[in-house]
């Protein structure tokens, strides 16, 4: 459960923005979306390898 303490004189918009940031950092929504459809381990491994190759290619280009 995420708790946001609203300070005296603080606008509701700022408190809501802080709540959204905290909620995003927890990764609840990301996990929920990943659990909606089952993905085989081989496919997850393949996507991780593709991401690693992509990141490595970006690092080589910048250096």
PDB file of N, CA and C in Angstrom:
ATOM      1  N   UNK A   1       0.842  -1.177   0.000  1.00  0.00           N
ATOM      2  CA  UNK A   1       0.000   0.000   0.000  1.00  0.00           C
ATOM      3  C   UNK A   1       0.890   1.243   0.000  1.00  0.00           C
ATOM      4  N   UNK A   2       0.599   2.153  -0.894  1.00  0.00           N
ATOM      5  CA  UNK A   2       1.396   3.373  -1.034  1.00  0.00           C
ATOM      6  C   UNK A   2       0.771   4.473  -0.193  1.00  0.00           C
ATOM      7  N   UNK A   3       1.593   5.096   0.641  1.00  0.00           N
ATOM      8  CA  UNK A   3       1.108   6.175   1.501  1.00  0.00           C
ATOM      9  C   UNK A   3       1.797   7.463   1.100  1.00  0.00           C
ATOM     10  N   UNK A   4       0.997   8.491   0.849  1.00  0.00           N
ATOM     11  CA  UNK A   4       1.504   9.810   0.493  1.00  0.00           C
ATOM     12  C   UNK A   4       0.998  10.794   1.541  1.00  0.00           C
ATOM     13  N   UNK A   5       1.923  11.434   2.240  1.00  0.00           N
ATOM     14  CA  UNK A   5       1.536  12.441   3.217  1.00  0.00           C
ATOM     15  C   UNK A   5       1.417  13.790   2.523  1.00  0.00           C
ATOM     16  N   UNK A   6       0.245  14.374   2.587  1.00  0.00           N
ATOM     17  CA  UNK A   6       0.007  15.681   1.978  1.00  0.00           C
ATOM     18  C   UNK A   6       0.370  16.746   3.000  1.00  0.00           C
ATOM     19  N   UNK A   7       1.291  17.615   2.636  1.00  0.00           N
ATOM     20  CA  UNK A   7       1.756  18.658   3.536  1.00  0.00           C
ATOM     21  C   UNK A   7       0.768  19.814   3.565  1.00  0.00           C
ATOM     22  N   UNK A   8       0.841  20.626   4.598  1.00  0.00           N
ATOM     23  CA  UNK A   8      -0.052  21.787   4.711  1.00  0.00           C
ATOM     24  C   UNK A   8       0.235  22.763   3.584  1.00  0.00           C
ATOM     25  N   UNK A   9      -0.793  23.186   2.891  1.00  0.00           N
ATOM     26  CA  UNK A   9      -0.660  24.150   1.816  1.00  0.00           C
ATOM     27  C   UNK A   9      -0.213  23.540   0.489  1.00  0.00           C
ATOM     28  N   UNK A  10      -0.006  22.239   0.459  1.00  0.00           N
ATOM     29  CA  UNK A  10       0.410  21.587  -0.783  1.00  0.00           C
ATOM     30  C   UNK A  10      -0.816  21.323  -1.652  1.00  0.00           C
ATOM     31  N   UNK A  11      -0.685  21.588  -2.929  1.00  0.00           N
ATOM     32  CA  UNK A  11      -1.819  21.373  -3.819  1.00  0.00           C
ATOM     33  C   UNK A  11      -2.034  19.880  -4.042  1.00  0.00           C
ATOM     34  N   UNK A  12      -3.247  19.560  -4.370  1.00  0.00           N
ATOM     35  CA  UNK A  12      -3.602  18.167  -4.607  1.00  0.00           C
ATOM     36  C   UNK A  12      -2.914  17.630  -5.850  1.00  0.00           C
ATOM     37  N   UNK A  13      -2.684  18.508  -6.823  1.00  0.00           N
ATOM     38  CA  UNK A  13      -2.009  18.087  -8.051  1.00  0.00           C
ATOM     39  C   UNK A  13      -0.590  17.595  -7.775  1.00  0.00           C
ATOM     40  N   UNK A  14       0.133  18.303  -6.912  1.00  0.00           N
ATOM     41  CA  UNK A  14       1.498  17.896  -6.581  1.00  0.00           C
ATOM     42  C   UNK A  14       1.502  16.568  -5.835  1.00  0.00           C
ATOM     43  N   UNK A  15       0.564  16.400  -4.912  1.00  0.00           N
ATOM     44  CA  UNK A  15       0.479  15.143  -4.162  1.00  0.00           C
ATOM     45  C   UNK A  15       0.134  13.990  -5.092  1.00  0.00           C
ATOM     46  N   UNK A  16      -0.761  14.231  -6.041  1.00  0.00           N
ATOM     47  CA  UNK A  16      -1.138  13.203  -7.003  1.00  0.00           C
ATOM     48  C   UNK A  16       0.042  12.834  -7.888  1.00  0.00           C
ATOM     49  N   UNK A  17       0.841  13.829  -8.266  1.00  0.00           N
ATOM     50  CA  UNK A  17       2.024  13.589  -9.080  1.00  0.00           C
ATOM     51  C   UNK A  17       3.033  12.726  -8.320  1.00  0.00           C
ATOM     52  N   UNK A  18       3.223  13.002  -7.022  1.00  0.00           N
ATOM     53  CA  UNK A  18       4.126  12.192  -6.204  1.00  0.00           C
ATOM     54  C   UNK A  18       3.613  10.762  -6.086  1.00  0.00           C
ATOM     55  N   UNK A  19       2.288  10.618  -5.949  1.00  0.00           N
ATOM     56  CA  UNK A  19       1.691   9.288  -5.873  1.00  0.00           C
ATOM     57  C   UNK A  19       1.935   8.503  -7.153  1.00  0.00           C
ATOM     58  N   UNK A  20       1.741   9.150  -8.287  1.00  0.00           N
ATOM     59  CA  UNK A  20       1.938   8.488  -9.572  1.00  0.00           C
ATOM     60  C   UNK A  20       3.385   8.021  -9.736  1.00  0.00           C
ATOM     61  N   UNK A  21       4.345   8.858  -9.326  1.00  0.00           N
ATOM     62  CA  UNK A  21       5.754   8.489  -9.425  1.00  0.00           C
ATOM     63  C   UNK A  21       6.058   7.279  -8.549  1.00  0.00           C
ATOM     64  N   UNK A  22       5.554   7.289  -7.316  1.00  0.00           N
ATOM     65  CA  UNK A  22       5.784   6.162  -6.416  1.00  0.00           C
ATOM     66  C   UNK A  22       5.154   4.892  -6.966  1.00  0.00           C
ATOM     67  N   UNK A  23       3.956   5.026  -7.519  1.00  0.00           N
ATOM     68  CA  UNK A  23       3.241   3.879  -8.069  1.00  0.00           C
ATOM     69  C   UNK A  23       3.993   3.292  -9.252  1.00  0.00           C
ATOM     70  N   UNK A  24       4.550   4.147 -10.092  1.00  0.00           N
ATOM     71  CA  UNK A  24       5.314   3.688 -11.253  1.00  0.00           C
ATOM     72  C   UNK A  24       6.579   2.949 -10.826  1.00  0.00           C
ATOM     73  N   UNK A  25       7.240   3.447  -9.779  1.00  0.00           N
ATOM     74  CA  UNK A  25       8.475   2.829  -9.305  1.00  0.00           C
ATOM     75  C   UNK A  25       8.232   1.431  -8.749  1.00  0.00           C
ATOM     76  N   UNK A  26       7.065   1.185  -8.194  1.00  0.00           N
ATOM     77  CA  UNK A  26       6.796  -0.133  -7.618  1.00  0.00           C
ATOM     78  C   UNK A  26       6.670  -1.191  -8.705  1.00  0.00           C
ATOM     79  N   UNK A  27       6.250  -0.814  -9.903  1.00  0.00           N
ATOM     80  CA  UNK A  27       6.165  -1.755 -11.010  1.00  0.00           C
ATOM     81  C   UNK A  27       4.947  -2.652 -10.971  1.00  0.00           C
ATOM     82  N   UNK A  28       3.917  -2.254 -10.250  1.00  0.00           N
ATOM     83  CA  UNK A  28       2.713  -3.066 -10.120  1.00  0.00           C
ATOM     84  C   UNK A  28       2.011  -3.211 -11.466  1.00  0.00           C
ATOM     85  N   UNK A  29       1.880  -2.127 -12.172  1.00  0.00           N
ATOM     86  CA  UNK A  29       1.171  -2.152 -13.457  1.00  0.00           C
ATOM     87  C   UNK A  29       1.920  -2.984 -14.488  1.00  0.00           C
ATOM     88  N   UNK A  30       3.240  -2.867 -14.494  1.00  0.00           N
ATOM     89  CA  UNK A  30       4.063  -3.645 -15.421  1.00  0.00           C
ATOM     90  C   UNK A  30       3.905  -5.139 -15.151  1.00  0.00           C
ATOM     91  N   UNK A  31       3.918  -5.506 -13.868  1.00  0.00           N
ATOM     92  CA  UNK A  31       3.764  -6.912 -13.501  1.00  0.00           C
ATOM     93  C   UNK A  31       2.379  -7.429 -13.856  1.00  0.00           C
ATOM     94  N   UNK A  32       1.372  -6.601 -13.661  1.00  0.00           N
ATOM     95  CA  UNK A  32       0.001  -6.997 -13.993  1.00  0.00           C
ATOM     96  C   UNK A  32      -0.134  -7.287 -15.475  1.00  0.00           C
ATOM     97  N   UNK A  33       0.437  -6.442 -16.308  1.00  0.00           N
ATOM     98  CA  UNK A  33       0.366  -6.656 -17.751  1.00  0.00           C
ATOM     99  C   UNK A  33       1.127  -7.907 -18.174  1.00  0.00           C
ATOM    100  N   UNK A  34       2.245  -8.162 -17.521  1.00  0.00           N
ATOM    101  CA  UNK A  34       3.017  -9.350 -17.884  1.00  0.00           C
ATOM    102  C   UNK A  34       2.304 -10.626 -17.461  1.00  0.00           C
ATOM    103  N   UNK A  35       1.503 -10.576 -16.418  1.00  0.00           N
ATOM    104  CA  UNK A  35       0.793 -11.762 -15.940  1.00  0.00           C
ATOM    105  C   UNK A  35      -0.489 -12.044 -16.720  1.00  0.00           C
ATOM    106  N   UNK A  36      -0.957 -11.092 -17.486  1.00  0.00           N
ATOM    107  CA  UNK A  36      -2.210 -11.280 -18.216  1.00  0.00           C
ATOM    108  C   UNK A  36      -2.087 -12.361 -19.283  1.00  0.00           C
ATOM    109  N   UNK A  37      -0.930 -12.481 -19.889  1.00  0.00           N
ATOM    110  CA  UNK A  37      -0.736 -13.488 -20.923  1.00  0.00           C
ATOM    111  C   UNK A  37       0.527 -14.269 -20.580  1.00  0.00           C
ATOM    112  N   UNK A  38       0.413 -15.588 -20.578  1.00  0.00           N
ATOM    113  CA  UNK A  38       1.560 -16.430 -20.257  1.00  0.00           C
ATOM    114  C   UNK A  38       2.553 -16.416 -21.415  1.00  0.00           C
ATOM    115  N   UNK A  39       3.817 -16.310 -21.054  1.00  0.00           N
ATOM    116  CA  UNK A  39       4.869 -16.309 -22.055  1.00  0.00           C
ATOM    117  C   UNK A  39       5.862 -17.417 -21.700  1.00  0.00           C
ATOM    118  N   UNK A  40       6.195 -18.232 -22.687  1.00  0.00           N
ATOM    119  CA  UNK A  40       7.114 -19.334 -22.445  1.00  0.00           C
ATOM    120  C   UNK A  40       8.497 -18.801 -22.080  1.00  0.00           C
ATOM    121  N   UNK A  41       9.242 -19.621 -21.319  1.00  0.00           N
ATOM    122  CA  UNK A  41      10.567 -19.198 -20.882  1.00  0.00           C
ATOM    123  C   UNK A  41      11.509 -18.962 -22.055  1.00  0.00           C
ATOM    124  N   UNK A  42      11.376 -19.771 -23.094  1.00  0.00           N
ATOM    125  CA  UNK A  42      12.258 -19.614 -24.247  1.00  0.00           C
ATOM    126  C   UNK A  42      12.023 -18.266 -24.934  1.00  0.00           C
ATOM    127  N   UNK A  43      10.781 -17.832 -24.965  1.00  0.00           N
ATOM    128  CA  UNK A  43      10.465 -16.551 -25.599  1.00  0.00           C
ATOM    129  C   UNK A  43      10.975 -15.390 -24.755  1.00  0.00           C
ATOM    130  N   UNK A  44      10.824 -15.489 -23.431  1.00  0.00           N
ATOM    131  CA  UNK A  44      11.336 -14.414 -22.575  1.00  0.00           C
ATOM    132  C   UNK A  44      12.853 -14.325 -22.691  1.00  0.00           C
ATOM    133  N   UNK A  45      13.529 -15.483 -22.743  1.00  0.00           N
ATOM    134  CA  UNK A  45      14.979 -15.496 -22.889  1.00  0.00           C
ATOM    135  C   UNK A  45      15.377 -14.863 -24.215  1.00  0.00           C
ATOM    136  N   UNK A  46      14.642 -15.173 -25.265  1.00  0.00           N
ATOM    137  CA  UNK A  46      14.942 -14.631 -26.593  1.00  0.00           C
ATOM    138  C   UNK A  46      14.796 -13.110 -26.602  1.00  0.00           C
ATOM    139  N   UNK A  47      13.747 -12.601 -25.974  1.00  0.00           N
ATOM    140  CA  UNK A  47      13.559 -11.145 -25.944  1.00  0.00           C
ATOM    141  C   UNK A  47      14.655 -10.473 -25.124  1.00  0.00           C
ATOM    142  N   UNK A  48      15.088 -11.111 -24.028  1.00  0.00           N
ATOM    143  CA  UNK A  48      16.172 -10.543 -23.231  1.00  0.00           C
ATOM    144  C   UNK A  48      17.465 -10.480 -24.038  1.00  0.00           C
ATOM    145  N   UNK A  49      17.734 -11.527 -24.816  1.00  0.00           N
ATOM    146  CA  UNK A  49      18.937 -11.543 -25.646  1.00  0.00           C
ATOM    147  C   UNK A  49      18.861 -10.448 -26.709  1.00  0.00           C
ATOM    148  N   UNK A  50      17.686 -10.282 -27.305  1.00  0.00           N
ATOM    149  CA  UNK A  50      17.521  -9.224 -28.311  1.00  0.00           C
ATOM    150  C   UNK A  50      17.755  -7.850 -27.704  1.00  0.00           C
ATOM    151  N   UNK A  51      17.232  -7.625 -26.494  1.00  0.00           N
ATOM    152  CA  UNK A  51      17.430  -6.342 -25.827  1.00  0.00           C
ATOM    153  C   UNK A  51      18.904  -6.111 -25.528  1.00  0.00           C
ATOM    154  N   UNK A  52      19.594  -7.168 -25.072  1.00  0.00           N
ATOM    155  CA  UNK A  52      21.017  -7.040 -24.758  1.00  0.00           C
ATOM    156  C   UNK A  52      21.827  -6.716 -26.005  1.00  0.00           C
ATOM    157  N   UNK A  53      21.494  -7.372 -27.116  1.00  0.00           N
ATOM    158  CA  UNK A  53      22.193  -7.108 -28.372  1.00  0.00           C
ATOM    159  C   UNK A  53      21.960  -5.665 -28.811  1.00  0.00           C
ATOM    160  N   UNK A  54      20.738  -5.210 -28.669  1.00  0.00           N
ATOM    161  CA  UNK A  54      20.398  -3.838 -29.050  1.00  0.00           C
ATOM    162  C   UNK A  54      21.169  -2.830 -28.195  1.00  0.00           C
ATOM    163  N   UNK A  55      21.178  -3.051 -26.863  1.00  0.00           N
ATOM    164  CA  UNK A  55      21.901  -2.146 -25.974  1.00  0.00           C
ATOM    165  C   UNK A  55      23.396  -2.143 -26.261  1.00  0.00           C
ATOM    166  N   UNK A  56      23.941  -3.320 -26.544  1.00  0.00           N
ATOM    167  CA  UNK A  56      25.366  -3.417 -26.845  1.00  0.00           C
ATOM    168  C   UNK A  56      25.684  -2.666 -28.139  1.00  0.00           C
ATOM    169  N   UNK A  57      24.793  -2.748 -29.105  1.00  0.00           N
ATOM    170  CA  UNK A  57      24.990  -2.019 -30.352  1.00  0.00           C
ATOM    171  C   UNK A  57      24.957  -0.524 -30.132  1.00  0.00           C
ATOM    172  N   UNK A  58      24.117  -0.056 -29.228  1.00  0.00           N
ATOM    173  CA  UNK A  58      24.065   1.378 -28.925  1.00  0.00           C
ATOM    174  C   UNK A  58      25.361   1.836 -28.260  1.00  0.00           C
ATOM    175  N   UNK A  59      25.890   1.012 -27.372  1.00  0.00           N
ATOM    176  CA  UNK A  59      27.130   1.374 -26.681  1.00  0.00           C
ATOM    177  C   UNK A  59      28.310   1.442 -27.630  1.00  0.00           C
ATOM    178  N   UNK A  60      28.351   0.561 -28.605  1.00  0.00           N
ATOM    179  CA  UNK A  60      29.460   0.559 -29.569  1.00  0.00           C
ATOM    180  C   UNK A  60      29.400   1.819 -30.438  1.00  0.00           C
ATOM    181  N   UNK A  61      28.204   2.226 -30.827  1.00  0.00           N
ATOM    182  CA  UNK A  61      28.064   3.404 -31.685  1.00  0.00           C
ATOM    183  C   UNK A  61      28.470   4.687 -30.976  1.00  0.00           C
ATOM    184  N   UNK A  62      28.196   4.784 -29.670  1.00  0.00           N
ATOM    185  CA  UNK A  62      28.500   6.015 -28.946  1.00  0.00           C
ATOM    186  C   UNK A  62      29.979   6.134 -28.585  1.00  0.00           C
ATOM    187  N   UNK A  63      30.671   5.034 -28.487  1.00  0.00           N
ATOM    188  CA  UNK A  63      32.089   5.036 -28.092  1.00  0.00           C
ATOM    189  C   UNK A  63      32.934   5.321 -29.253  1.00  0.00           C
TER     190      UNK A  63
END
